[in-house]
Amino acid sequence: MKGRTASFTTAVFLLGSLLGFLPTLEAQTDPFFKGKTIKIIGGSGGFYESWARLIARHMEKHIPGNPNIIVQPMLGAGSLIAANYVYGVAKPDGLTLGMFLNTIYLDQLVGRKEVQFSAEKFGWIGSPVGEAMILYMRADTPYKSIADIIKAKEPPKCGATGTASSSYILAMLLEETVGAKFTSVLGYQGSGDTDMAVEKGEVVCRAHNVSAHFGREPFDNWHKKGFDRHIVQTGRKRDSNLKDTPTLYELMDQHKTPELSRRAAQVILAGGEFGRPLVATPGTPPERLNILREALAKALKDPELLAEAKKSKMDVDPATAEELQTLIKEVMNQPKEVNERVRKLLGN
């Protein structure tokens, strides 16, 4: 009898324990993201959108509940519209993410009145790759080098989406550091529109990321025809595709650029270190933000994503959320004289 009683008591205890854990088990099998749709708001188009769609296809399977992830372009004003939306309009529930121009922080730094966000407060998730910039020029122009642009009576016209775009920023940097002047034509809706404007001759140059310039159209066709030439790149070392193109750092050495201008240039070029950053709305619950960060990290190691990226000639060299958070704090907390120089460069 005692053995039976003990067995019965044990069974009841185990059953009760199991029933007691049911809510926990249910929570694990019915997580927040189950049955939901996550939107990645793309603010630039072009290669940024390609990255957003690649991440969306592979990140969703690494999130508990396997939510659907879609990309929603929101072009205009060089990502300002998209950044303002994700920051101040979207609900902070982890279901709205953003992938903006990596230089969007500069609009805040120079105090543009259209800015309705604080870059430090975004929920930084990570970035798949760092990016250097390249300035390309139509080959039928008289501008064969930075020296030609410095000596030119009429500055070349470069197309740009807005004040946070690579074209606008690199044009300002080159004038500040080496004295090469450009006329920036703003307002194009995306990178494809800007490249088309170059083909039509509305403008003769544009700056964008090195990775977007090789292995895809229209640039492959341009290179076969000798349509464009490469003027300058912003990486600290020359890219393997641009062995004959000087870096901005080389040009600053040649022109003996003052230290203050160099430091301002480094702040501005930090966009390349941000790469293609993915962010969440401020106030997103920490546990959901951590889930998103882990999912992106796993996606960027996923053999299927890596194979697809390789096929599309998209390099993968991730930066973590912690690295991006450290970088944005450093960039936004420079000495007063450096910030003033950056504002002077980009504030007009």
C-alpha atoms as a PDB file:
ATOM      1  CA  MET A   1       0.000   0.000   0.000  1.00  0.00           C
ATOM      2  CA  LYS A   2       2.751   2.390   0.890  1.00  0.00           C
ATOM      3  CA  GLY A   3       4.470   1.699  -2.453  1.00  0.00           C
ATOM      4  CA  ARG A   4       1.249   2.289  -4.343  1.00  0.00           C
ATOM      5  CA  THR A   5       0.553   5.458  -2.399  1.00  0.00           C
ATOM      6  CA  ALA A   6       4.064   6.733  -3.079  1.00  0.00           C
ATOM      7  CA  SER A   7       3.739   5.940  -6.786  1.00  0.00           C
ATOM      8  CA  PHE A   8       0.350   7.634  -6.959  1.00  0.00           C
ATOM      9  CA  THR A   9       1.679  10.678  -5.086  1.00  0.00           C
ATOM     10  CA  THR A  10       4.667  10.888  -7.426  1.00  0.00           C
ATOM     11  CA  ALA A  11       2.407  10.652 -10.476  1.00  0.00           C
ATOM     12  CA  VAL A  12       0.140  13.387  -9.166  1.00  0.00           C
ATOM     13  CA  PHE A  13       3.173  15.572  -8.422  1.00  0.00           C
ATOM     14  CA  LEU A  14       4.589  15.043 -11.898  1.00  0.00           C
ATOM     15  CA  LEU A  15       1.231  15.733 -13.514  1.00  0.00           C
ATOM     16  CA  GLY A  16       0.799  18.848 -11.446  1.00  0.00           C
ATOM     17  CA  SER A  17       4.290  19.970 -12.313  1.00  0.00           C
ATOM     18  CA  LEU A  18       3.622  19.392 -16.001  1.00  0.00           C
ATOM     19  CA  LEU A  19       0.372  21.310 -15.832  1.00  0.00           C
ATOM     20  CA  GLY A  20       2.167  24.068 -14.000  1.00  0.00           C
ATOM     21  CA  PHE A  21       4.628  24.398 -16.856  1.00  0.00           C
ATOM     22  CA  LEU A  22       1.976  24.487 -19.543  1.00  0.00           C
ATOM     23  CA  PRO A  23       1.792  28.303 -19.681  1.00  0.00           C
ATOM     24  CA  THR A  24       5.570  28.457 -20.174  1.00  0.00           C
ATOM     25  CA  LEU A  25       5.484  25.815 -22.896  1.00  0.00           C
ATOM     26  CA  GLU A  26       2.601  27.597 -24.563  1.00  0.00           C
ATOM     27  CA  ALA A  27       4.522  30.868 -24.490  1.00  0.00           C
ATOM     28  CA  GLN A  28       7.479  29.163 -26.137  1.00  0.00           C
ATOM     29  CA  THR A  29       5.357  27.716 -28.938  1.00  0.00           C
ATOM     30  CA  ASP A  30       3.365  30.911 -29.428  1.00  0.00           C
ATOM     31  CA  PRO A  31       5.979  33.726 -29.380  1.00  0.00           C
ATOM     32  CA  PHE A  32       5.186  37.334 -30.148  1.00  0.00           C
ATOM     33  CA  PHE A  33       6.374  37.188 -33.766  1.00  0.00           C
ATOM     34  CA  LYS A  34       4.271  34.144 -34.716  1.00  0.00           C
ATOM     35  CA  GLY A  35       1.734  35.050 -37.392  1.00  0.00           C
ATOM     36  CA  LYS A  36       3.087  38.609 -37.647  1.00  0.00           C
ATOM     37  CA  THR A  37       4.612  40.534 -40.553  1.00  0.00           C
ATOM     38  CA  ILE A  38       7.792  42.550 -40.117  1.00  0.00           C
ATOM     39  CA  LYS A  39       8.352  45.474 -42.484  1.00  0.00           C
ATOM     40  CA  ILE A  40      11.783  46.721 -43.483  1.00  0.00           C
ATOM     41  CA  ILE A  41      11.356  50.319 -44.579  1.00  0.00           C
ATOM     42  CA  GLY A  42      13.919  50.972 -47.314  1.00  0.00           C
ATOM     43  CA  GLY A  43      14.875  54.602 -47.699  1.00  0.00           C
ATOM     44  CA  SER A  44      17.218  54.593 -50.679  1.00  0.00           C
ATOM     45  CA  GLY A  45      16.375  51.974 -53.287  1.00  0.00           C
ATOM     46  CA  GLY A  46      19.101  50.483 -55.469  1.00  0.00           C
ATOM     47  CA  PHE A  47      21.641  48.298 -53.703  1.00  0.00           C
ATOM     48  CA  TYR A  48      20.213  49.142 -50.270  1.00  0.00           C
ATOM     49  CA  GLU A  49      16.921  47.599 -51.364  1.00  0.00           C
ATOM     50  CA  SER A  50      18.759  44.553 -52.736  1.00  0.00           C
ATOM     51  CA  TRP A  51      20.366  44.036 -49.321  1.00  0.00           C
ATOM     52  CA  ALA A  52      17.065  44.558 -47.507  1.00  0.00           C
ATOM     53  CA  ARG A  53      15.343  41.940 -49.656  1.00  0.00           C
ATOM     54  CA  LEU A  54      18.202  39.453 -49.248  1.00  0.00           C
ATOM     55  CA  ILE A  55      18.107  39.859 -45.470  1.00  0.00           C
ATOM     56  CA  ALA A  56      14.307  39.606 -45.404  1.00  0.00           C
ATOM     57  CA  ARG A  57      14.359  36.271 -47.266  1.00  0.00           C
ATOM     58  CA  HIS A  58      16.763  34.643 -44.829  1.00  0.00           C
ATOM     59  CA  MET A  59      16.279  36.424 -41.495  1.00  0.00           C
ATOM     60  CA  GLU A  60      12.660  35.380 -40.971  1.00  0.00           C
ATOM     61  CA  LYS A  61      13.522  31.697 -40.501  1.00  0.00           C
ATOM     62  CA  HIS A  62      15.840  32.587 -37.610  1.00  0.00           C
ATOM     63  CA  ILE A  63      13.112  34.416 -35.646  1.00  0.00           C
ATOM     64  CA  PRO A  64      10.964  32.305 -33.249  1.00  0.00           C
ATOM     65  CA  GLY A  65       7.519  32.023 -34.801  1.00  0.00           C
ATOM     66  CA  ASN A  66       8.888  32.482 -38.325  1.00  0.00           C
ATOM     67  CA  PRO A  67       7.159  35.790 -39.144  1.00  0.00           C
ATOM     68  CA  ASN A  68       6.879  37.023 -42.695  1.00  0.00           C
ATOM     69  CA  ILE A  69       9.341  39.823 -43.541  1.00  0.00           C
ATOM     70  CA  ILE A  70       8.625  42.227 -46.393  1.00  0.00           C
ATOM     71  CA  VAL A  71      10.480  45.242 -47.772  1.00  0.00           C
ATOM     72  CA  GLN A  72       8.549  48.477 -48.193  1.00  0.00           C
ATOM     73  CA  PRO A  73      10.404  51.198 -50.130  1.00  0.00           C
ATOM     74  CA  MET A  74       9.826  54.740 -48.861  1.00  0.00           C
ATOM     75  CA  LEU A  75      12.001  56.868 -51.087  1.00  0.00           C
ATOM     76  CA  GLY A  76      12.624  60.607 -50.994  1.00  0.00           C
ATOM     77  CA  ALA A  77      14.887  63.228 -49.444  1.00  0.00           C
ATOM     78  CA  GLY A  78      17.866  60.894 -49.190  1.00  0.00           C
ATOM     79  CA  SER A  79      16.220  58.535 -46.613  1.00  0.00           C
ATOM     80  CA  LEU A  80      14.914  61.371 -44.413  1.00  0.00           C
ATOM     81  CA  ILE A  81      11.277  60.449 -45.007  1.00  0.00           C
ATOM     82  CA  ALA A  82      11.923  56.801 -44.146  1.00  0.00           C
ATOM     83  CA  ALA A  83      14.033  57.601 -41.072  1.00  0.00           C
ATOM     84  CA  ASN A  84      11.437  60.044 -39.717  1.00  0.00           C
ATOM     85  CA  TYR A  85       8.706  57.434 -40.224  1.00  0.00           C
ATOM     86  CA  VAL A  86      10.514  54.585 -38.464  1.00  0.00           C
ATOM     87  CA  TYR A  87      11.566  56.875 -35.621  1.00  0.00           C
ATOM     88  CA  GLY A  88       8.387  58.783 -34.907  1.00  0.00           C
ATOM     89  CA  VAL A  89       5.405  57.137 -36.607  1.00  0.00           C
ATOM     90  CA  ALA A  90       5.933  53.375 -36.494  1.00  0.00           C
ATOM     91  CA  LYS A  91       4.924  51.497 -33.346  1.00  0.00           C
ATOM     92  CA  PRO A  92       7.868  50.416 -31.142  1.00  0.00           C
ATOM     93  CA  ASP A  93       6.866  46.764 -31.264  1.00  0.00           C
ATOM     94  CA  GLY A  94       9.690  45.251 -33.302  1.00  0.00           C
ATOM     95  CA  LEU A  95       7.544  44.913 -36.418  1.00  0.00           C
ATOM     96  CA  THR A  96       8.939  47.961 -38.240  1.00  0.00           C
ATOM     97  CA  LEU A  97      12.617  48.117 -39.129  1.00  0.00           C
ATOM     98  CA  GLY A  98      14.571  50.535 -41.277  1.00  0.00           C
ATOM     99  CA  MET A  99      17.508  50.404 -43.658  1.00  0.00           C
ATOM    100  CA  PHE A 100      18.533  53.957 -44.553  1.00  0.00           C
ATOM    101  CA  LEU A 101      21.473  55.683 -46.171  1.00  0.00           C
ATOM    102  CA  ASN A 102      24.475  55.037 -43.959  1.00  0.00           C
ATOM    103  CA  THR A 103      25.145  58.781 -43.796  1.00  0.00           C
ATOM    104  CA  ILE A 104      21.706  59.705 -42.448  1.00  0.00           C
ATOM    105  CA  TYR A 105      23.266  60.686 -39.097  1.00  0.00           C
ATOM    106  CA  LEU A 106      24.896  63.668 -40.818  1.00  0.00           C
ATOM    107  CA  ASP A 107      21.552  65.372 -41.414  1.00  0.00           C
ATOM    108  CA  GLN A 108      21.057  65.310 -37.652  1.00  0.00           C
ATOM    109  CA  LEU A 109      24.621  66.401 -36.943  1.00  0.00           C
ATOM    110  CA  VAL A 110      24.305  69.540 -39.060  1.00  0.00           C
ATOM    111  CA  GLY A 111      20.862  70.356 -37.655  1.00  0.00           C
ATOM    112  CA  ARG A 112      18.661  70.117 -40.748  1.00  0.00           C
ATOM    113  CA  LYS A 113      15.150  71.238 -39.854  1.00  0.00           C
ATOM    114  CA  GLU A 114      13.546  68.244 -41.622  1.00  0.00           C
ATOM    115  CA  VAL A 115      15.165  65.788 -39.198  1.00  0.00           C
ATOM    116  CA  GLN A 116      12.711  64.329 -36.688  1.00  0.00           C
ATOM    117  CA  PHE A 117      14.926  61.601 -35.272  1.00  0.00           C
ATOM    118  CA  SER A 118      17.879  61.063 -32.962  1.00  0.00           C
ATOM    119  CA  ALA A 119      20.227  58.509 -34.530  1.00  0.00           C
ATOM    120  CA  GLU A 120      21.599  57.401 -31.147  1.00  0.00           C
ATOM    121  CA  LYS A 121      18.116  56.284 -30.039  1.00  0.00           C
ATOM    122  CA  PHE A 122      17.388  53.882 -32.877  1.00  0.00           C
ATOM    123  CA  GLY A 123      17.505  50.224 -31.916  1.00  0.00           C
ATOM    124  CA  TRP A 124      20.660  49.238 -33.796  1.00  0.00           C
ATOM    125  CA  ILE A 125      20.426  45.648 -35.052  1.00  0.00           C
ATOM    126  CA  GLY A 126      23.528  45.205 -37.204  1.00  0.00           C
ATOM    127  CA  SER A 127      24.953  45.642 -40.689  1.00  0.00           C
ATOM    128  CA  PRO A 128      25.874  43.027 -43.306  1.00  0.00           C
ATOM    129  CA  VAL A 129      28.882  44.869 -44.728  1.00  0.00           C
ATOM    130  CA  GLY A 130      30.983  48.016 -44.598  1.00  0.00           C
ATOM    131  CA  GLU A 131      31.115  50.256 -47.656  1.00  0.00           C
ATOM    132  CA  ALA A 132      33.613  52.641 -49.253  1.00  0.00           C
ATOM    133  CA  MET A 133      32.461  55.229 -51.795  1.00  0.00           C
ATOM    134  CA  ILE A 134      33.539  55.868 -55.361  1.00  0.00           C
ATOM    135  CA  LEU A 135      33.094  58.978 -57.490  1.00  0.00           C
ATOM    136  CA  TYR A 136      32.531  58.075 -61.145  1.00  0.00           C
ATOM    137  CA  MET A 137      32.471  60.504 -64.071  1.00  0.00           C
ATOM    138  CA  ARG A 138      31.289  60.273 -67.678  1.00  0.00           C
ATOM    139  CA  ALA A 139      34.362  59.523 -69.792  1.00  0.00           C
ATOM    140  CA  ASP A 140      33.384  62.098 -72.432  1.00  0.00           C
ATOM    141  CA  THR A 141      33.927  64.975 -69.987  1.00  0.00           C
ATOM    142  CA  PRO A 142      37.242  66.843 -69.681  1.00  0.00           C
ATOM    143  CA  TYR A 143      37.584  65.772 -66.029  1.00  0.00           C
ATOM    144  CA  LYS A 144      40.087  62.926 -65.934  1.00  0.00           C
ATOM    145  CA  SER A 145      41.316  63.412 -62.388  1.00  0.00           C
ATOM    146  CA  ILE A 146      40.811  65.447 -59.236  1.00  0.00           C
ATOM    147  CA  ALA A 147      43.535  67.793 -60.539  1.00  0.00           C
ATOM    148  CA  ASP A 148      41.375  68.558 -63.612  1.00  0.00           C
ATOM    149  CA  ILE A 149      38.375  69.304 -61.387  1.00  0.00           C
ATOM    150  CA  ILE A 150      40.442  71.611 -59.174  1.00  0.00           C
ATOM    151  CA  LYS A 151      41.581  73.585 -62.238  1.00  0.00           C
ATOM    152  CA  ALA A 152      38.190  73.597 -63.994  1.00  0.00           C
ATOM    153  CA  LYS A 153      36.476  76.923 -64.704  1.00  0.00           C
ATOM    154  CA  GLU A 154      33.071  75.245 -64.506  1.00  0.00           C
ATOM    155  CA  PRO A 155      32.479  72.634 -61.750  1.00  0.00           C
ATOM    156  CA  PRO A 156      31.047  69.286 -62.908  1.00  0.00           C
ATOM    157  CA  LYS A 157      27.397  68.590 -62.062  1.00  0.00           C
ATOM    158  CA  CYS A 158      26.865  65.531 -59.861  1.00  0.00           C
ATOM    159  CA  GLY A 159      23.435  63.975 -59.276  1.00  0.00           C
ATOM    160  CA  ALA A 160      22.199  63.174 -55.773  1.00  0.00           C
ATOM    161  CA  THR A 161      19.026  62.090 -53.979  1.00  0.00           C
ATOM    162  CA  GLY A 162      19.498  64.467 -51.054  1.00  0.00           C
ATOM    163  CA  THR A 163      21.874  65.927 -48.508  1.00  0.00           C
ATOM    164  CA  ALA A 164      22.594  62.550 -46.902  1.00  0.00           C
ATOM    165  CA  SER A 165      23.523  60.925 -50.215  1.00  0.00           C
ATOM    166  CA  SER A 166      27.035  59.820 -51.120  1.00  0.00           C
ATOM    167  CA  SER A 167      27.231  62.268 -54.029  1.00  0.00           C
ATOM    168  CA  TYR A 168      26.417  65.345 -51.991  1.00  0.00           C
ATOM    169  CA  ILE A 169      28.653  64.334 -49.110  1.00  0.00           C
ATOM    170  CA  LEU A 170      31.693  63.359 -51.162  1.00  0.00           C
ATOM    171  CA  ALA A 171      31.403  66.543 -53.234  1.00  0.00           C
ATOM    172  CA  MET A 172      31.503  68.653 -50.071  1.00  0.00           C
ATOM    173  CA  LEU A 173      34.396  66.621 -48.695  1.00  0.00           C
ATOM    174  CA  LEU A 174      36.506  66.996 -51.814  1.00  0.00           C
ATOM    175  CA  GLU A 175      36.013  70.756 -51.819  1.00  0.00           C
ATOM    176  CA  GLU A 176      36.993  71.000 -48.153  1.00  0.00           C
ATOM    177  CA  THR A 177      39.995  68.681 -48.233  1.00  0.00           C
ATOM    178  CA  VAL A 178      41.578  69.246 -51.659  1.00  0.00           C
ATOM    179  CA  GLY A 179      39.755  72.213 -53.178  1.00  0.00           C
ATOM    180  CA  ALA A 180      37.814  70.376 -55.916  1.00  0.00           C
ATOM    181  CA  LYS A 181      34.444  72.062 -56.499  1.00  0.00           C
ATOM    182  CA  PHE A 182      31.239  70.433 -57.722  1.00  0.00           C
ATOM    183  CA  THR A 183      27.656  71.495 -58.400  1.00  0.00           C
ATOM    184  CA  SER A 184      25.273  69.078 -56.663  1.00  0.00           C
ATOM    185  CA  VAL A 185      21.906  68.551 -58.369  1.00  0.00           C
ATOM    186  CA  LEU A 186      19.545  67.235 -55.678  1.00  0.00           C
ATOM    187  CA  GLY A 187      16.126  65.628 -55.762  1.00  0.00           C
ATOM    188  CA  TYR A 188      16.490  62.348 -57.671  1.00  0.00           C
ATOM    189  CA  GLN A 189      14.189  59.693 -56.201  1.00  0.00           C
ATOM    190  CA  GLY A 190      16.729  56.889 -56.020  1.00  0.00           C
ATOM    191  CA  SER A 191      20.099  55.649 -57.178  1.00  0.00           C
ATOM    192  CA  GLY A 192      18.681  54.198 -60.411  1.00  0.00           C
ATOM    193  CA  ASP A 193      17.156  57.559 -61.337  1.00  0.00           C
ATOM    194  CA  THR A 194      20.479  59.270 -60.687  1.00  0.00           C
ATOM    195  CA  ASP A 195      22.402  56.815 -62.870  1.00  0.00           C
ATOM    196  CA  MET A 196      19.832  57.314 -65.626  1.00  0.00           C
ATOM    197  CA  ALA A 197      20.370  61.065 -65.360  1.00  0.00           C
ATOM    198  CA  VAL A 198      24.086  60.467 -65.926  1.00  0.00           C
ATOM    199  CA  GLU A 199      23.312  58.384 -69.019  1.00  0.00           C
ATOM    200  CA  LYS A 200      21.066  61.158 -70.367  1.00  0.00           C
ATOM    201  CA  GLY A 201      23.674  63.819 -69.671  1.00  0.00           C
ATOM    202  CA  GLU A 202      21.568  65.777 -67.173  1.00  0.00           C
ATOM    203  CA  VAL A 203      24.529  65.381 -64.813  1.00  0.00           C
ATOM    204  CA  VAL A 204      27.995  63.972 -65.479  1.00  0.00           C
ATOM    205  CA  CYS A 205      28.940  62.301 -62.202  1.00  0.00           C
ATOM    206  CA  ARG A 206      27.720  60.541 -59.091  1.00  0.00           C
ATOM    207  CA  ALA A 207      29.231  59.002 -55.962  1.00  0.00           C
ATOM    208  CA  HIS A 208      27.946  55.764 -54.469  1.00  0.00           C
ATOM    209  CA  ASN A 209      29.221  52.596 -52.822  1.00  0.00           C
ATOM    210  CA  VAL A 210      32.061  50.660 -54.443  1.00  0.00           C
ATOM    211  CA  SER A 211      30.234  47.333 -54.070  1.00  0.00           C
ATOM    212  CA  ALA A 212      27.259  48.672 -56.035  1.00  0.00           C
ATOM    213  CA  HIS A 213      29.494  49.734 -58.910  1.00  0.00           C
ATOM    214  CA  PHE A 214      30.868  46.338 -59.914  1.00  0.00           C
ATOM    215  CA  GLY A 215      29.166  43.169 -61.084  1.00  0.00           C
ATOM    216  CA  ARG A 216      25.810  44.711 -61.963  1.00  0.00           C
ATOM    217  CA  GLU A 217      24.075  46.924 -64.495  1.00  0.00           C
ATOM    218  CA  PRO A 218      24.252  49.529 -65.853  1.00  0.00           C
ATOM    219  CA  PHE A 219      27.882  49.606 -64.740  1.00  0.00           C
ATOM    220  CA  ASP A 220      29.035  46.333 -66.324  1.00  0.00           C
ATOM    221  CA  ASN A 221      27.827  47.625 -69.683  1.00  0.00           C
ATOM    222  CA  TRP A 222      29.359  51.043 -69.015  1.00  0.00           C
ATOM    223  CA  HIS A 223      32.732  49.502 -68.278  1.00  0.00           C
ATOM    224  CA  LYS A 224      32.661  47.444 -71.487  1.00  0.00           C
ATOM    225  CA  LYS A 225      31.919  50.585 -73.493  1.00  0.00           C
ATOM    226  CA  GLY A 226      34.318  52.817 -71.573  1.00  0.00           C
ATOM    227  CA  PHE A 227      31.387  55.069 -70.639  1.00  0.00           C
ATOM    228  CA  ASP A 228      32.678  56.130 -67.221  1.00  0.00           C
ATOM    229  CA  ARG A 229      35.951  56.740 -65.432  1.00  0.00           C
ATOM    230  CA  HIS A 230      36.758  56.425 -61.740  1.00  0.00           C
ATOM    231  CA  ILE A 231      38.023  59.574 -60.033  1.00  0.00           C
ATOM    232  CA  VAL A 232      38.443  58.819 -56.315  1.00  0.00           C
ATOM    233  CA  GLN A 233      37.593  56.192 -53.671  1.00  0.00           C
ATOM    234  CA  THR A 234      37.154  56.727 -49.923  1.00  0.00           C
ATOM    235  CA  GLY A 235      38.556  53.521 -48.429  1.00  0.00           C
ATOM    236  CA  ARG A 236      41.812  53.671 -46.492  1.00  0.00           C
ATOM    237  CA  LYS A 237      43.216  51.150 -48.969  1.00  0.00           C
ATOM    238  CA  ARG A 238      42.613  50.860 -52.704  1.00  0.00           C
ATOM    239  CA  ASP A 239      39.902  48.379 -53.604  1.00  0.00           C
ATOM    240  CA  SER A 240      41.023  45.458 -55.795  1.00  0.00           C
ATOM    241  CA  ASN A 241      38.650  46.707 -58.515  1.00  0.00           C
ATOM    242  CA  LEU A 242      40.127  50.221 -58.327  1.00  0.00           C
ATOM    243  CA  LYS A 243      43.868  49.706 -58.275  1.00  0.00           C
ATOM    244  CA  ASP A 244      44.496  52.805 -60.410  1.00  0.00           C
ATOM    245  CA  THR A 245      42.081  55.076 -58.534  1.00  0.00           C
ATOM    246  CA  PRO A 246      43.512  57.193 -55.690  1.00  0.00           C
ATOM    247  CA  THR A 247      41.975  57.174 -52.224  1.00  0.00           C
ATOM    248  CA  LEU A 248      40.832  60.365 -50.545  1.00  0.00           C
ATOM    249  CA  TYR A 249      43.452  59.746 -47.857  1.00  0.00           C
ATOM    250  CA  GLU A 250      46.183  59.721 -50.528  1.00  0.00           C
ATOM    251  CA  LEU A 251      44.837  62.972 -51.956  1.00  0.00           C
ATOM    252  CA  MET A 252      44.746  64.574 -48.504  1.00  0.00           C
ATOM    253  CA  ASP A 253      48.409  63.635 -48.042  1.00  0.00           C
ATOM    254  CA  GLN A 254      49.303  65.111 -51.429  1.00  0.00           C
ATOM    255  CA  HIS A 255      47.452  68.358 -50.753  1.00  0.00           C
ATOM    256  CA  LYS A 256      48.585  68.617 -47.116  1.00  0.00           C
ATOM    257  CA  THR A 257      45.036  68.861 -45.803  1.00  0.00           C
ATOM    258  CA  PRO A 258      44.874  70.554 -42.345  1.00  0.00           C
ATOM    259  CA  GLU A 259      44.223  68.314 -39.325  1.00  0.00           C
ATOM    260  CA  LEU A 260      40.807  69.800 -38.526  1.00  0.00           C
ATOM    261  CA  SER A 261      39.577  69.101 -42.058  1.00  0.00           C
ATOM    262  CA  ARG A 262      40.969  65.577 -41.847  1.00  0.00           C
ATOM    263  CA  ARG A 263      39.074  64.891 -38.609  1.00  0.00           C
ATOM    264  CA  ALA A 264      35.876  66.279 -40.095  1.00  0.00           C
ATOM    265  CA  ALA A 265      36.412  64.006 -43.090  1.00  0.00           C
ATOM    266  CA  GLN A 266      36.761  60.985 -40.805  1.00  0.00           C
ATOM    267  CA  VAL A 267      33.437  61.797 -39.110  1.00  0.00           C
ATOM    268  CA  ILE A 268      31.753  62.121 -42.470  1.00  0.00           C
ATOM    269  CA  LEU A 269      33.328  58.960 -43.867  1.00  0.00           C
ATOM    270  CA  ALA A 270      32.116  56.945 -40.859  1.00  0.00           C
ATOM    271  CA  GLY A 271      29.075  56.184 -43.000  1.00  0.00           C
ATOM    272  CA  GLY A 272      31.202  53.614 -44.774  1.00  0.00           C
ATOM    273  CA  GLU A 273      31.760  51.824 -41.463  1.00  0.00           C
ATOM    274  CA  PHE A 274      28.007  51.732 -40.846  1.00  0.00           C
ATOM    275  CA  GLY A 275      27.629  49.998 -44.202  1.00  0.00           C
ATOM    276  CA  ARG A 276      23.988  48.929 -44.691  1.00  0.00           C
ATOM    277  CA  PRO A 277      22.661  49.293 -41.129  1.00  0.00           C
ATOM    278  CA  LEU A 278      19.387  47.743 -40.011  1.00  0.00           C
ATOM    279  CA  VAL A 279      17.586  49.535 -37.154  1.00  0.00           C
ATOM    280  CA  ALA A 280      14.383  49.275 -35.117  1.00  0.00           C
ATOM    281  CA  THR A 281      12.049  51.945 -33.782  1.00  0.00           C
ATOM    282  CA  PRO A 282      13.201  53.498 -30.470  1.00  0.00           C
ATOM    283  CA  GLY A 283      11.430  51.924 -27.508  1.00  0.00           C
ATOM    284  CA  THR A 284      11.274  48.448 -29.026  1.00  0.00           C
ATOM    285  CA  PRO A 285      11.187  46.003 -26.074  1.00  0.00           C
ATOM    286  CA  PRO A 286      14.752  44.812 -25.321  1.00  0.00           C
ATOM    287  CA  GLU A 287      13.844  41.133 -25.549  1.00  0.00           C
ATOM    288  CA  ARG A 288      12.427  41.596 -29.062  1.00  0.00           C
ATOM    289  CA  LEU A 289      15.395  43.722 -30.115  1.00  0.00           C
ATOM    290  CA  ASN A 290      17.732  40.972 -28.945  1.00  0.00           C
ATOM    291  CA  ILE A 291      15.757  38.403 -30.934  1.00  0.00           C
ATOM    292  CA  LEU A 292      16.129  40.551 -34.053  1.00  0.00           C
ATOM    293  CA  ARG A 293      19.851  41.042 -33.460  1.00  0.00           C
ATOM    294  CA  GLU A 294      20.425  37.313 -33.004  1.00  0.00           C
ATOM    295  CA  ALA A 295      18.330  36.534 -36.079  1.00  0.00           C
ATOM    296  CA  LEU A 296      20.338  38.905 -38.272  1.00  0.00           C
ATOM    297  CA  ALA A 297      23.629  37.533 -36.962  1.00  0.00           C
ATOM    298  CA  LYS A 298      22.488  33.979 -37.728  1.00  0.00           C
ATOM    299  CA  ALA A 299      21.156  34.974 -41.157  1.00  0.00           C
ATOM    300  CA  LEU A 300      24.504  36.510 -42.108  1.00  0.00           C
ATOM    301  CA  LYS A 301      26.164  33.137 -41.357  1.00  0.00           C
ATOM    302  CA  ASP A 302      23.468  31.149 -43.137  1.00  0.00           C
ATOM    303  CA  PRO A 303      25.012  29.144 -46.024  1.00  0.00           C
ATOM    304  CA  GLU A 304      21.987  29.897 -48.221  1.00  0.00           C
ATOM    305  CA  LEU A 305      22.320  33.661 -47.727  1.00  0.00           C
ATOM    306  CA  LEU A 306      26.077  33.495 -48.270  1.00  0.00           C
ATOM    307  CA  ALA A 307      25.632  31.539 -51.495  1.00  0.00           C
ATOM    308  CA  GLU A 308      23.034  33.982 -52.775  1.00  0.00           C
ATOM    309  CA  ALA A 309      25.205  36.950 -51.805  1.00  0.00           C
ATOM    310  CA  LYS A 310      28.212  35.451 -53.592  1.00  0.00           C
ATOM    311  CA  LYS A 311      26.162  34.828 -56.724  1.00  0.00           C
ATOM    312  CA  SER A 312      25.017  38.461 -56.680  1.00  0.00           C
ATOM    313  CA  LYS A 313      28.564  39.702 -55.939  1.00  0.00           C
ATOM    314  CA  MET A 314      27.533  41.088 -52.560  1.00  0.00           C
ATOM    315  CA  ASP A 315      30.326  40.904 -49.988  1.00  0.00           C
ATOM    316  CA  VAL A 316      29.407  39.922 -46.418  1.00  0.00           C
ATOM    317  CA  ASP A 317      31.505  41.444 -43.629  1.00  0.00           C
ATOM    318  CA  PRO A 318      29.088  42.034 -40.716  1.00  0.00           C
ATOM    319  CA  ALA A 319      29.149  44.646 -37.968  1.00  0.00           C
ATOM    320  CA  THR A 320      27.321  43.883 -34.717  1.00  0.00           C
ATOM    321  CA  ALA A 321      24.752  46.039 -32.961  1.00  0.00           C
ATOM    322  CA  GLU A 322      27.299  46.789 -30.240  1.00  0.00           C
ATOM    323  CA  GLU A 323      29.856  47.975 -32.797  1.00  0.00           C
ATOM    324  CA  LEU A 324      27.303  50.235 -34.476  1.00  0.00           C
ATOM    325  CA  GLN A 325      26.131  51.665 -31.153  1.00  0.00           C
ATOM    326  CA  THR A 326      29.722  52.478 -30.190  1.00  0.00           C
ATOM    327  CA  LEU A 327      30.343  54.075 -33.575  1.00  0.00           C
ATOM    328  CA  ILE A 328      27.241  56.277 -33.510  1.00  0.00           C
ATOM    329  CA  LYS A 329      28.126  57.529 -30.018  1.00  0.00           C
ATOM    330  CA  GLU A 330      31.663  58.398 -31.134  1.00  0.00           C
ATOM    331  CA  VAL A 331      30.447  60.139 -34.285  1.00  0.00           C
ATOM    332  CA  MET A 332      27.805  62.197 -32.488  1.00  0.00           C
ATOM    333  CA  ASN A 333      30.118  63.218 -29.617  1.00  0.00           C
ATOM    334  CA  GLN A 334      33.068  64.911 -31.313  1.00  0.00           C
ATOM    335  CA  PRO A 335      34.937  67.995 -30.024  1.00  0.00           C
ATOM    336  CA  LYS A 336      33.091  71.235 -30.671  1.00  0.00           C
ATOM    337  CA  GLU A 337      35.503  72.446 -33.337  1.00  0.00           C
ATOM    338  CA  VAL A 338      35.141  69.213 -35.338  1.00  0.00           C
ATOM    339  CA  ASN A 339      31.340  69.366 -35.209  1.00  0.00           C
ATOM    340  CA  GLU A 340      31.401  72.992 -36.273  1.00  0.00           C
ATOM    341  CA  ARG A 341      33.574  72.137 -39.252  1.00  0.00           C
ATOM    342  CA  VAL A 342      31.257  69.281 -40.247  1.00  0.00           C
ATOM    343  CA  ARG A 343      28.274  71.607 -39.970  1.00  0.00           C
ATOM    344  CA  LYS A 344      30.063  74.197 -42.053  1.00  0.00           C
ATOM    345  CA  LEU A 345      30.784  71.604 -44.715  1.00  0.00           C
ATOM    346  CA  LEU A 346      27.310  70.097 -44.910  1.00  0.00           C
ATOM    347  CA  GLY A 347      25.018  72.675 -43.394  1.00  0.00           C
ATOM    348  CA  ASN A 348      24.308  74.820 -46.445  1.00  0.00           C
END
